[in-house]
Amino acid sequence: MTMITPLSKQVFDYTNYPKRESRLFRIAFVLSCVTPVLKERLPRYLGRYFGKGQRYSVRTPHDAYIAVDQRNVDHYTRMQRVGGWDDHVLST
């Protein structure tokens, strides 16, 4: 029988994520808008291979900032491209 142990709450230091977009994100966003075949794949590769160690956030239409995970830049470019931000993400 295995026991499930509770995890300790992780503290997130948001001060390490400046409130500005990086050049890499802007490039990934523009490329996702003009390349129909690579809308998701190209931003993901750019973030994973060239964005290591970068920390920044993107601004939502509701003036909130979301810290960008470099391994999943494709999700953030899609959110900006279609103008949709999930309500459960914003409320979190």
PDB file of N, CA and C in Angstrom:
ATOM      1  N   MET A   1       0.847  -1.183   0.000  1.00  0.00           N
ATOM      2  CA  MET A   1       0.000   0.000   0.000  1.00  0.00           C
ATOM      3  C   MET A   1       0.893   1.247   0.000  1.00  0.00           C
ATOM      4  N   THR A   2       0.623   2.154  -0.916  1.00  0.00           N
ATOM      5  CA  THR A   2       1.404   3.391  -0.976  1.00  0.00           C
ATOM      6  C   THR A   2       0.617   4.509  -0.317  1.00  0.00           C
ATOM      7  N   MET A   3       1.342   5.346   0.346  1.00  0.00           N
ATOM      8  CA  MET A   3       0.700   6.492   0.994  1.00  0.00           C
ATOM      9  C   MET A   3       0.914   7.744   0.146  1.00  0.00           C
ATOM     10  N   ILE A   4      -0.063   8.554   0.105  1.00  0.00           N
ATOM     11  CA  ILE A   4       0.045   9.818  -0.607  1.00  0.00           C
ATOM     12  C   ILE A   4       0.376  10.892   0.411  1.00  0.00           C
ATOM     13  N   THR A   5       1.485  11.567   0.165  1.00  0.00           N
ATOM     14  CA  THR A   5       1.904  12.615   1.097  1.00  0.00           C
ATOM     15  C   THR A   5       1.577  13.979   0.497  1.00  0.00           C
ATOM     16  N   PRO A   6       1.180  14.917   1.319  1.00  0.00           N
ATOM     17  CA  PRO A   6       0.865  16.245   0.785  1.00  0.00           C
ATOM     18  C   PRO A   6       2.129  16.973   0.342  1.00  0.00           C
ATOM     19  N   LEU A   7       1.974  17.771  -0.676  1.00  0.00           N
ATOM     20  CA  LEU A   7       3.084  18.580  -1.174  1.00  0.00           C
ATOM     21  C   LEU A   7       3.065  19.936  -0.491  1.00  0.00           C
ATOM     22  N   SER A   8       4.239  20.464  -0.288  1.00  0.00           N
ATOM     23  CA  SER A   8       4.306  21.805   0.283  1.00  0.00           C
ATOM     24  C   SER A   8       3.990  22.832  -0.805  1.00  0.00           C
ATOM     25  N   LYS A   9       3.397  23.920  -0.404  1.00  0.00           N
ATOM     26  CA  LYS A   9       3.040  24.973  -1.353  1.00  0.00           C
ATOM     27  C   LYS A   9       4.305  25.650  -1.850  1.00  0.00           C
ATOM     28  N   GLN A  10       4.395  25.796  -3.159  1.00  0.00           N
ATOM     29  CA  GLN A  10       5.555  26.444  -3.751  1.00  0.00           C
ATOM     30  C   GLN A  10       5.305  27.940  -3.847  1.00  0.00           C
ATOM     31  N   VAL A  11       6.294  28.696  -3.475  1.00  0.00           N
ATOM     32  CA  VAL A  11       6.194  30.147  -3.553  1.00  0.00           C
ATOM     33  C   VAL A  11       6.760  30.585  -4.897  1.00  0.00           C
ATOM     34  N   PHE A  12       5.993  31.364  -5.623  1.00  0.00           N
ATOM     35  CA  PHE A  12       6.411  31.828  -6.939  1.00  0.00           C
ATOM     36  C   PHE A  12       6.928  33.254  -6.817  1.00  0.00           C
ATOM     37  N   ASP A  13       8.138  33.452  -7.269  1.00  0.00           N
ATOM     38  CA  ASP A  13       8.737  34.780  -7.212  1.00  0.00           C
ATOM     39  C   ASP A  13       8.481  35.493  -8.537  1.00  0.00           C
ATOM     40  N   TYR A  14       7.434  36.290  -8.580  1.00  0.00           N
ATOM     41  CA  TYR A  14       7.054  36.965  -9.813  1.00  0.00           C
ATOM     42  C   TYR A  14       7.956  38.140 -10.158  1.00  0.00           C
ATOM     43  N   THR A  15       8.803  38.563  -9.237  1.00  0.00           N
ATOM     44  CA  THR A  15       9.673  39.709  -9.514  1.00  0.00           C
ATOM     45  C   THR A  15      10.757  39.358 -10.532  1.00  0.00           C
ATOM     46  N   ASN A  16      10.988  38.068 -10.755  1.00  0.00           N
ATOM     47  CA  ASN A  16      11.987  37.652 -11.739  1.00  0.00           C
ATOM     48  C   ASN A  16      11.455  37.714 -13.169  1.00  0.00           C
ATOM     49  N   TYR A  17      10.186  38.042 -13.329  1.00  0.00           N
ATOM     50  CA  TYR A  17       9.577  38.115 -14.651  1.00  0.00           C
ATOM     51  C   TYR A  17       9.203  39.563 -14.953  1.00  0.00           C
ATOM     52  N   PRO A  18      10.031  40.258 -15.712  1.00  0.00           N
ATOM     53  CA  PRO A  18       9.735  41.663 -16.013  1.00  0.00           C
ATOM     54  C   PRO A  18       8.463  41.795 -16.845  1.00  0.00           C
ATOM     55  N   LYS A  19       7.807  42.924 -16.731  1.00  0.00           N
ATOM     56  CA  LYS A  19       6.560  43.172 -17.448  1.00  0.00           C
ATOM     57  C   LYS A  19       6.844  43.713 -18.839  1.00  0.00           C
ATOM     58  N   ARG A  20       7.457  42.897 -19.632  1.00  0.00           N
ATOM     59  CA  ARG A  20       7.731  43.265 -21.023  1.00  0.00           C
ATOM     60  C   ARG A  20       7.916  41.988 -21.831  1.00  0.00           C
ATOM     61  N   GLU A  21       7.630  42.082 -23.103  1.00  0.00           N
ATOM     62  CA  GLU A  21       7.821  40.935 -23.983  1.00  0.00           C
ATOM     63  C   GLU A  21       9.255  40.944 -24.505  1.00  0.00           C
ATOM     64  N   SER A  22       9.776  39.771 -24.737  1.00  0.00           N
ATOM     65  CA  SER A  22      11.127  39.689 -25.283  1.00  0.00           C
ATOM     66  C   SER A  22      11.069  39.748 -26.805  1.00  0.00           C
ATOM     67  N   ARG A  23      12.193  39.979 -27.404  1.00  0.00           N
ATOM     68  CA  ARG A  23      12.272  39.983 -28.876  1.00  0.00           C
ATOM     69  C   ARG A  23      11.934  38.612 -29.421  1.00  0.00           C
ATOM     70  N   LEU A  24      12.377  37.584 -28.727  1.00  0.00           N
ATOM     71  CA  LEU A  24      12.093  36.223 -29.174  1.00  0.00           C
ATOM     72  C   LEU A  24      10.589  35.968 -29.234  1.00  0.00           C
ATOM     73  N   PHE A  25       9.855  36.448 -28.222  1.00  0.00           N
ATOM     74  CA  PHE A  25       8.404  36.266 -28.235  1.00  0.00           C
ATOM     75  C   PHE A  25       7.770  37.037 -29.384  1.00  0.00           C
ATOM     76  N   ARG A  26       8.225  38.248 -29.627  1.00  0.00           N
ATOM     77  CA  ARG A  26       7.671  39.035 -30.736  1.00  0.00           C
ATOM     78  C   ARG A  26       7.914  38.351 -32.072  1.00  0.00           C
ATOM     79  N   ILE A  27       9.116  37.807 -32.250  1.00  0.00           N
ATOM     80  CA  ILE A  27       9.436  37.084 -33.483  1.00  0.00           C
ATOM     81  C   ILE A  27       8.553  35.847 -33.606  1.00  0.00           C
ATOM     82  N   ALA A  28       8.415  35.096 -32.520  1.00  0.00           N
ATOM     83  CA  ALA A  28       7.574  33.889 -32.533  1.00  0.00           C
ATOM     84  C   ALA A  28       6.131  34.252 -32.846  1.00  0.00           C
ATOM     85  N   PHE A  29       5.645  35.362 -32.289  1.00  0.00           N
ATOM     86  CA  PHE A  29       4.275  35.790 -32.532  1.00  0.00           C
ATOM     87  C   PHE A  29       4.062  36.164 -33.996  1.00  0.00           C
ATOM     88  N   VAL A  30       4.964  36.957 -34.552  1.00  0.00           N
ATOM     89  CA  VAL A  30       4.834  37.372 -35.956  1.00  0.00           C
ATOM     90  C   VAL A  30       4.895  36.155 -36.876  1.00  0.00           C
ATOM     91  N   LEU A  31       5.815  35.249 -36.618  1.00  0.00           N
ATOM     92  CA  LEU A  31       5.923  34.059 -37.456  1.00  0.00           C
ATOM     93  C   LEU A  31       4.689  33.172 -37.336  1.00  0.00           C
ATOM     94  N   SER A  32       4.088  33.132 -36.162  1.00  0.00           N
ATOM     95  CA  SER A  32       2.880  32.319 -36.012  1.00  0.00           C
ATOM     96  C   SER A  32       1.699  32.938 -36.755  1.00  0.00           C
ATOM     97  N   CYS A  33       1.757  34.237 -36.999  1.00  0.00           N
ATOM     98  CA  CYS A  33       0.683  34.901 -37.744  1.00  0.00           C
ATOM     99  C   CYS A  33       0.829  34.739 -39.252  1.00  0.00           C
ATOM    100  N   VAL A  34       2.059  34.636 -39.737  1.00  0.00           N
ATOM    101  CA  VAL A  34       2.275  34.608 -41.193  1.00  0.00           C
ATOM    102  C   VAL A  34       2.570  33.232 -41.747  1.00  0.00           C
ATOM    103  N   THR A  35       2.799  32.250 -40.901  1.00  0.00           N
ATOM    104  CA  THR A  35       3.089  30.901 -41.390  1.00  0.00           C
ATOM    105  C   THR A  35       1.959  29.961 -40.979  1.00  0.00           C
ATOM    106  N   PRO A  36       1.000  29.725 -41.859  1.00  0.00           N
ATOM    107  CA  PRO A  36      -0.158  28.932 -41.472  1.00  0.00           C
ATOM    108  C   PRO A  36       0.182  27.502 -41.071  1.00  0.00           C
ATOM    109  N   VAL A  37       1.179  26.921 -41.692  1.00  0.00           N
ATOM    110  CA  VAL A  37       1.508  25.527 -41.393  1.00  0.00           C
ATOM    111  C   VAL A  37       2.238  25.401 -40.058  1.00  0.00           C
ATOM    112  N   LEU A  38       3.037  26.385 -39.706  1.00  0.00           N
ATOM    113  CA  LEU A  38       3.874  26.291 -38.511  1.00  0.00           C
ATOM    114  C   LEU A  38       3.379  27.192 -37.379  1.00  0.00           C
ATOM    115  N   LYS A  39       2.086  27.452 -37.299  1.00  0.00           N
ATOM    116  CA  LYS A  39       1.562  28.366 -36.281  1.00  0.00           C
ATOM    117  C   LYS A  39       1.919  27.932 -34.871  1.00  0.00           C
ATOM    118  N   GLU A  40       1.919  26.653 -34.620  1.00  0.00           N
ATOM    119  CA  GLU A  40       2.202  26.153 -33.276  1.00  0.00           C
ATOM    120  C   GLU A  40       3.641  25.655 -33.152  1.00  0.00           C
ATOM    121  N   ARG A  41       4.088  24.956 -34.136  1.00  0.00           N
ATOM    122  CA  ARG A  41       5.386  24.287 -34.051  1.00  0.00           C
ATOM    123  C   ARG A  41       6.558  25.250 -34.009  1.00  0.00           C
ATOM    124  N   LEU A  42       6.549  26.259 -34.850  1.00  0.00           N
ATOM    125  CA  LEU A  42       7.679  27.183 -34.926  1.00  0.00           C
ATOM    126  C   LEU A  42       7.880  27.978 -33.637  1.00  0.00           C
ATOM    127  N   PRO A  43       6.834  28.572 -33.040  1.00  0.00           N
ATOM    128  CA  PRO A  43       7.047  29.259 -31.754  1.00  0.00           C
ATOM    129  C   PRO A  43       7.533  28.323 -30.649  1.00  0.00           C
ATOM    130  N   ARG A  44       7.044  27.077 -30.654  1.00  0.00           N
ATOM    131  CA  ARG A  44       7.485  26.125 -29.634  1.00  0.00           C
ATOM    132  C   ARG A  44       8.979  25.853 -29.761  1.00  0.00           C
ATOM    133  N   TYR A  45       9.449  25.632 -30.981  1.00  0.00           N
ATOM    134  CA  TYR A  45      10.882  25.376 -31.186  1.00  0.00           C
ATOM    135  C   TYR A  45      11.727  26.593 -30.836  1.00  0.00           C
ATOM    136  N   LEU A  46      11.258  27.770 -31.217  1.00  0.00           N
ATOM    137  CA  LEU A  46      12.007  28.988 -30.883  1.00  0.00           C
ATOM    138  C   LEU A  46      12.147  29.143 -29.374  1.00  0.00           C
ATOM    139  N   GLY A  47      11.074  28.939 -28.660  1.00  0.00           N
ATOM    140  CA  GLY A  47      11.116  29.066 -27.205  1.00  0.00           C
ATOM    141  C   GLY A  47      12.000  28.024 -26.549  1.00  0.00           C
ATOM    142  N   ARG A  48      11.910  26.790 -27.008  1.00  0.00           N
ATOM    143  CA  ARG A  48      12.674  25.707 -26.377  1.00  0.00           C
ATOM    144  C   ARG A  48      14.160  25.786 -26.660  1.00  0.00           C
ATOM    145  N   TYR A  49      14.519  26.203 -27.875  1.00  0.00           N
ATOM    146  CA  TYR A  49      15.932  26.163 -28.237  1.00  0.00           C
ATOM    147  C   TYR A  49      16.651  27.500 -28.107  1.00  0.00           C
ATOM    148  N   PHE A  50      15.927  28.594 -28.228  1.00  0.00           N
ATOM    149  CA  PHE A  50      16.581  29.893 -28.162  1.00  0.00           C
ATOM    150  C   PHE A  50      16.167  30.714 -26.948  1.00  0.00           C
ATOM    151  N   GLY A  51      15.145  30.286 -26.241  1.00  0.00           N
ATOM    152  CA  GLY A  51      14.643  31.066 -25.126  1.00  0.00           C
ATOM    153  C   GLY A  51      15.066  30.567 -23.764  1.00  0.00           C
ATOM    154  N   LYS A  52      15.994  29.650 -23.719  1.00  0.00           N
ATOM    155  CA  LYS A  52      16.419  29.102 -22.430  1.00  0.00           C
ATOM    156  C   LYS A  52      16.992  30.200 -21.552  1.00  0.00           C
ATOM    157  N   GLY A  53      16.500  30.262 -20.334  1.00  0.00           N
ATOM    158  CA  GLY A  53      17.011  31.233 -19.380  1.00  0.00           C
ATOM    159  C   GLY A  53      16.339  32.596 -19.441  1.00  0.00           C
ATOM    160  N   GLN A  54      15.521  32.840 -20.462  1.00  0.00           N
ATOM    161  CA  GLN A  54      14.833  34.121 -20.554  1.00  0.00           C
ATOM    162  C   GLN A  54      13.595  34.097 -19.674  1.00  0.00           C
ATOM    163  N   ARG A  55      13.330  35.206 -19.029  1.00  0.00           N
ATOM    164  CA  ARG A  55      12.123  35.342 -18.224  1.00  0.00           C
ATOM    165  C   ARG A  55      11.436  36.643 -18.591  1.00  0.00           C
ATOM    166  N   TYR A  56      10.178  36.541 -18.930  1.00  0.00           N
ATOM    167  CA  TYR A  56       9.385  37.715 -19.242  1.00  0.00           C
ATOM    168  C   TYR A  56       7.918  37.349 -19.117  1.00  0.00           C
ATOM    169  N   SER A  57       7.075  38.333 -19.214  1.00  0.00           N
ATOM    170  CA  SER A  57       5.641  38.089 -19.122  1.00  0.00           C
ATOM    171  C   SER A  57       4.948  38.760 -20.303  1.00  0.00           C
ATOM    172  N   VAL A  58       3.728  38.328 -20.559  1.00  0.00           N
ATOM    173  CA  VAL A  58       2.921  38.945 -21.611  1.00  0.00           C
ATOM    174  C   VAL A  58       1.695  39.572 -20.961  1.00  0.00           C
ATOM    175  N   ARG A  59       1.240  40.636 -21.555  1.00  0.00           N
ATOM    176  CA  ARG A  59       0.104  41.383 -21.010  1.00  0.00           C
ATOM    177  C   ARG A  59      -1.200  40.879 -21.631  1.00  0.00           C
ATOM    178  N   THR A  60      -2.192  40.690 -20.810  1.00  0.00           N
ATOM    179  CA  THR A  60      -3.501  40.239 -21.280  1.00  0.00           C
ATOM    180  C   THR A  60      -4.375  41.447 -21.571  1.00  0.00           C
ATOM    181  N   PRO A  61      -5.483  41.255 -22.269  1.00  0.00           N
ATOM    182  CA  PRO A  61      -6.396  42.378 -22.522  1.00  0.00           C
ATOM    183  C   PRO A  61      -6.998  42.963 -21.239  1.00  0.00           C
ATOM    184  N   HIS A  62      -6.939  42.225 -20.130  1.00  0.00           N
ATOM    185  CA  HIS A  62      -7.494  42.700 -18.860  1.00  0.00           C
ATOM    186  C   HIS A  62      -6.425  43.332 -17.971  1.00  0.00           C
ATOM    187  N   ASP A  63      -5.308  43.721 -18.563  1.00  0.00           N
ATOM    188  CA  ASP A  63      -4.182  44.349 -17.868  1.00  0.00           C
ATOM    189  C   ASP A  63      -3.544  43.468 -16.803  1.00  0.00           C
ATOM    190  N   ALA A  64      -3.645  42.186 -16.962  1.00  0.00           N
ATOM    191  CA  ALA A  64      -2.928  41.247 -16.091  1.00  0.00           C
ATOM    192  C   ALA A  64      -1.702  40.770 -16.846  1.00  0.00           C
ATOM    193  N   TYR A  65      -0.719  40.280 -16.141  1.00  0.00           N
ATOM    194  CA  TYR A  65       0.496  39.765 -16.759  1.00  0.00           C
ATOM    195  C   TYR A  65       0.620  38.282 -16.453  1.00  0.00           C
ATOM    196  N   ILE A  66       0.992  37.516 -17.465  1.00  0.00           N
ATOM    197  CA  ILE A  66       1.192  36.081 -17.307  1.00  0.00           C
ATOM    198  C   ILE A  66       2.645  35.774 -17.596  1.00  0.00           C
ATOM    199  N   ALA A  67       3.304  35.074 -16.671  1.00  0.00           N
ATOM    200  CA  ALA A  67       4.695  34.666 -16.876  1.00  0.00           C
ATOM    201  C   ALA A  67       4.730  33.599 -17.968  1.00  0.00           C
ATOM    202  N   VAL A  68       5.664  33.724 -18.889  1.00  0.00           N
ATOM    203  CA  VAL A  68       5.756  32.825 -20.034  1.00  0.00           C
ATOM    204  C   VAL A  68       6.686  31.669 -19.717  1.00  0.00           C
ATOM    205  N   ASP A  69       6.196  30.477 -19.977  1.00  0.00           N
ATOM    206  CA  ASP A  69       7.014  29.268 -19.874  1.00  0.00           C
ATOM    207  C   ASP A  69       7.664  29.058 -21.241  1.00  0.00           C
ATOM    208  N   GLN A  70       8.979  29.128 -21.306  1.00  0.00           N
ATOM    209  CA  GLN A  70       9.687  29.073 -22.579  1.00  0.00           C
ATOM    210  C   GLN A  70       9.465  27.768 -23.343  1.00  0.00           C
ATOM    211  N   ARG A  71       9.131  26.703 -22.648  1.00  0.00           N
ATOM    212  CA  ARG A  71       8.912  25.432 -23.334  1.00  0.00           C
ATOM    213  C   ARG A  71       7.579  25.415 -24.072  1.00  0.00           C
ATOM    214  N   ASN A  72       6.701  26.358 -23.765  1.00  0.00           N
ATOM    215  CA  ASN A  72       5.365  26.379 -24.356  1.00  0.00           C
ATOM    216  C   ASN A  72       4.993  27.746 -24.919  1.00  0.00           C
ATOM    217  N   VAL A  73       5.907  28.355 -25.615  1.00  0.00           N
ATOM    218  CA  VAL A  73       5.650  29.678 -26.183  1.00  0.00           C
ATOM    219  C   VAL A  73       4.488  29.621 -27.179  1.00  0.00           C
ATOM    220  N   ASP A  74       4.269  28.470 -27.791  1.00  0.00           N
ATOM    221  CA  ASP A  74       3.184  28.335 -28.763  1.00  0.00           C
ATOM    222  C   ASP A  74       1.826  28.629 -28.136  1.00  0.00           C
ATOM    223  N   HIS A  75       1.612  28.277 -26.884  1.00  0.00           N
ATOM    224  CA  HIS A  75       0.337  28.562 -26.219  1.00  0.00           C
ATOM    225  C   HIS A  75       0.120  30.069 -26.055  1.00  0.00           C
ATOM    226  N   TYR A  76       1.171  30.761 -25.685  1.00  0.00           N
ATOM    227  CA  TYR A  76       1.058  32.207 -25.456  1.00  0.00           C
ATOM    228  C   TYR A  76       0.895  32.972 -26.764  1.00  0.00           C
ATOM    229  N   THR A  77       1.571  32.531 -27.829  1.00  0.00           N
ATOM    230  CA  THR A  77       1.390  33.195 -29.120  1.00  0.00           C
ATOM    231  C   THR A  77      -0.016  32.947 -29.648  1.00  0.00           C
ATOM    232  N   ARG A  78      -0.548  31.747 -29.427  1.00  0.00           N
ATOM    233  CA  ARG A  78      -1.916  31.461 -29.860  1.00  0.00           C
ATOM    234  C   ARG A  78      -2.915  32.330 -29.095  1.00  0.00           C
ATOM    235  N   MET A  79      -2.687  32.489 -27.797  1.00  0.00           N
ATOM    236  CA  MET A  79      -3.591  33.324 -27.002  1.00  0.00           C
ATOM    237  C   MET A  79      -3.604  34.764 -27.501  1.00  0.00           C
ATOM    238  N   GLN A  80      -2.436  35.283 -27.855  1.00  0.00           N
ATOM    239  CA  GLN A  80      -2.401  36.667 -28.364  1.00  0.00           C
ATOM    240  C   GLN A  80      -2.947  36.754 -29.777  1.00  0.00           C
ATOM    241  N   ARG A  81      -2.708  35.725 -30.580  1.00  0.00           N
ATOM    242  CA  ARG A  81      -3.146  35.756 -31.971  1.00  0.00           C
ATOM    243  C   ARG A  81      -4.666  35.732 -32.082  1.00  0.00           C
ATOM    244  N   VAL A  82      -5.326  34.902 -31.310  1.00  0.00           N
ATOM    245  CA  VAL A  82      -6.788  34.793 -31.420  1.00  0.00           C
ATOM    246  C   VAL A  82      -7.509  35.714 -30.451  1.00  0.00           C
ATOM    247  N   GLY A  83      -6.746  36.392 -29.590  1.00  0.00           N
ATOM    248  CA  GLY A  83      -7.347  37.331 -28.654  1.00  0.00           C
ATOM    249  C   GLY A  83      -8.063  36.676 -27.498  1.00  0.00           C
ATOM    250  N   GLY A  84      -7.839  35.405 -27.322  1.00  0.00           N
ATOM    251  CA  GLY A  84      -8.537  34.690 -26.260  1.00  0.00           C
ATOM    252  C   GLY A  84      -7.631  34.321 -25.111  1.00  0.00           C
ATOM    253  N   TRP A  85      -8.061  34.669 -23.952  1.00  0.00           N
ATOM    254  CA  TRP A  85      -7.365  34.277 -22.736  1.00  0.00           C
ATOM    255  C   TRP A  85      -8.370  33.504 -21.908  1.00  0.00           C
ATOM    256  N   ASP A  86      -8.012  32.310 -21.525  1.00  0.00           N
ATOM    257  CA  ASP A  86      -8.930  31.479 -20.742  1.00  0.00           C
ATOM    258  C   ASP A  86      -9.253  32.158 -19.415  1.00  0.00           C
ATOM    259  N   ASP A  87     -10.529  32.191 -19.083  1.00  0.00           N
ATOM    260  CA  ASP A  87     -10.951  32.851 -17.843  1.00  0.00           C
ATOM    261  C   ASP A  87     -10.360  32.189 -16.607  1.00  0.00           C
ATOM    262  N   HIS A  88     -10.225  30.872 -16.641  1.00  0.00           N
ATOM    263  CA  HIS A  88      -9.657  30.207 -15.455  1.00  0.00           C
ATOM    264  C   HIS A  88      -8.172  30.532 -15.300  1.00  0.00           C
ATOM    265  N   VAL A  89      -7.481  30.804 -16.388  1.00  0.00           N
ATOM    266  CA  VAL A  89      -6.076  31.209 -16.286  1.00  0.00           C
ATOM    267  C   VAL A  89      -5.982  32.608 -15.714  1.00  0.00           C
ATOM    268  N   LEU A  90      -6.819  33.511 -16.197  1.00  0.00           N
ATOM    269  CA  LEU A  90      -6.790  34.879 -15.693  1.00  0.00           C
ATOM    270  C   LEU A  90      -7.211  34.976 -14.244  1.00  0.00           C
ATOM    271  N   SER A  91      -8.182  34.170 -13.823  1.00  0.00           N
ATOM    272  CA  SER A  91      -8.608  34.224 -12.435  1.00  0.00           C
ATOM    273  C   SER A  91      -7.549  33.648 -11.499  1.00  0.00           C
ATOM    274  N   THR A  92      -6.733  32.741 -12.006  1.00  0.00           N
ATOM    275  CA  THR A  92      -5.657  32.180 -11.195  1.00  0.00           C
ATOM    276  C   THR A  92      -4.584  33.213 -10.990  1.00  0.00           C
TER     277      THR A  92
END
